[in-house]
Amino acid sequence: MDNFIKNNRVCLVYFTNGNFTELNNKISGLQHSISDSKFMVIDSDKDFGLIDTLNIKSIPLIHIYKNGKLIEEIFGTYSNICDIIRLHF
C-alpha cells in the first residue's frame, strides 16, 4: 500500500467489504471512469491483517492521498460520494 501511495500523485484507498454493494458499485464505476491505477480497494474480510495493522475501526472508509500525504478521510456513505472524490482528480 505504501508503494501505491508513493507512486501516485493523487490516489484513493477504499476500505470496504461485501456489505456495501451499492457503494462498492458507485466506487467501481468511478474507478473505471477516472483511472483504475489511481484506486486501491481493500476488502476488510479478505485483508483483515492489513485492516488490523492500520488500526481501521470503521468501514466503509475512503482515504485520498496527494503527494504521499493523506488529504481527506471520508467515513460512511454519502449520496454525493462520487462528486466529493472527483474534486480531487
Protein backbone atom coordinates (compact mmCIF):
# COMPACT_ATOMS: atom_id res chain seq x y z
CA MET A 1 0.00 0.00 0.00
CA ASP A 2 2.86 2.40 0.80
CA ASN A 3 4.35 2.00 -2.68
CA PHE A 4 0.94 2.58 -4.26
CA ILE A 5 0.57 5.86 -2.36
CA LYS A 6 4.13 6.97 -3.13
CA ASN A 7 3.85 6.11 -6.84
CA ASN A 8 0.70 8.17 -7.47
CA ARG A 9 0.46 11.95 -7.25
CA VAL A 10 -3.21 11.62 -6.31
CA CYS A 11 -4.76 8.31 -5.31
CA LEU A 12 -7.59 6.77 -3.35
CA VAL A 13 -7.62 3.83 -0.94
CA TYR A 14 -11.09 2.41 -0.34
CA PHE A 15 -11.65 0.15 2.68
CA THR A 16 -14.84 -1.85 2.26
CA ASN A 17 -16.42 -5.29 2.41
CA GLY A 18 -19.34 -7.15 0.83
CA ASN A 19 -21.94 -5.40 2.99
CA PHE A 20 -21.77 -2.20 0.92
CA THR A 21 -22.87 -3.37 -2.53
CA GLU A 22 -24.39 -0.07 -3.66
CA LEU A 23 -21.40 2.00 -2.56
CA ASN A 24 -18.97 -0.57 -3.97
CA ASN A 25 -20.71 -0.31 -7.35
CA LYS A 26 -20.50 3.51 -7.28
CA ILE A 27 -16.81 3.43 -6.42
CA SER A 28 -16.13 0.77 -9.06
CA GLY A 29 -17.82 2.87 -11.75
CA LEU A 30 -15.87 5.94 -10.68
CA GLN A 31 -12.67 3.92 -10.61
CA HIS A 32 -13.12 2.90 -14.23
CA SER A 33 -14.01 6.43 -15.37
CA ILE A 34 -11.03 8.10 -13.66
CA SER A 35 -8.25 5.50 -13.79
CA ASP A 36 -8.02 2.05 -12.28
CA SER A 37 -4.38 2.68 -11.40
CA LYS A 38 -5.29 5.51 -9.02
CA PHE A 39 -7.65 3.40 -6.89
CA MET A 40 -6.83 0.67 -4.40
CA VAL A 41 -9.70 -1.34 -2.94
CA ILE A 42 -9.09 -3.21 0.30
CA ASP A 43 -11.69 -5.76 1.36
CA SER A 44 -11.78 -5.91 5.17
CA ASP A 45 -13.00 -9.52 5.06
CA LYS A 46 -10.04 -10.66 2.95
CA ASP A 47 -7.33 -8.30 4.23
CA PHE A 48 -8.09 -8.33 7.94
CA GLY A 49 -4.39 -8.32 8.82
CA LEU A 50 -3.86 -5.04 6.98
CA ILE A 51 -7.02 -3.53 8.49
CA ASP A 52 -5.75 -4.50 11.95
CA THR A 53 -2.23 -3.18 11.27
CA LEU A 54 -3.63 0.16 10.08
CA ASN A 55 -5.96 0.26 13.09
CA ILE A 56 -9.01 0.82 10.87
CA LYS A 57 -12.11 0.89 13.09
CA SER A 58 -14.84 1.95 10.66
CA ILE A 59 -15.83 0.53 7.27
CA PRO A 60 -16.53 1.90 4.66
CA LEU A 61 -13.65 4.34 4.72
CA ILE A 62 -12.02 6.30 1.93
CA HIS A 63 -8.56 7.82 2.14
CA ILE A 64 -7.46 10.26 -0.53
CA TYR A 65 -3.74 10.96 -0.81
CA LYS A 66 -1.91 13.71 -2.65
CA ASN A 67 1.87 13.66 -2.98
CA GLY A 68 2.04 10.87 -0.39
CA LYS A 69 0.02 12.71 2.26
CA LEU A 70 -3.49 11.94 3.46
CA ILE A 71 -5.60 14.93 2.43
CA GLU A 72 -9.13 13.61 3.00
CA GLU A 73 -10.72 10.86 5.06
CA ILE A 74 -14.36 10.00 4.38
CA PHE A 75 -16.29 7.74 6.75
CA GLY A 76 -19.57 6.10 5.81
CA THR A 77 -21.75 6.54 2.76
CA TYR A 78 -22.96 9.71 1.10
CA SER A 79 -25.29 10.15 -1.85
CA ASN A 80 -22.76 12.54 -3.41
CA ILE A 81 -19.65 10.46 -2.67
CA CYS A 82 -18.57 10.39 -6.33
CA ASP A 83 -18.75 14.18 -6.55
CA ILE A 84 -16.63 14.51 -3.39
CA ILE A 85 -14.00 12.15 -4.82
CA ARG A 86 -13.97 13.81 -8.27
CA LEU A 87 -12.97 17.11 -6.65
CA HIS A 88 -9.52 15.62 -6.06
CA PHE A 89 -8.93 14.09 -9.50
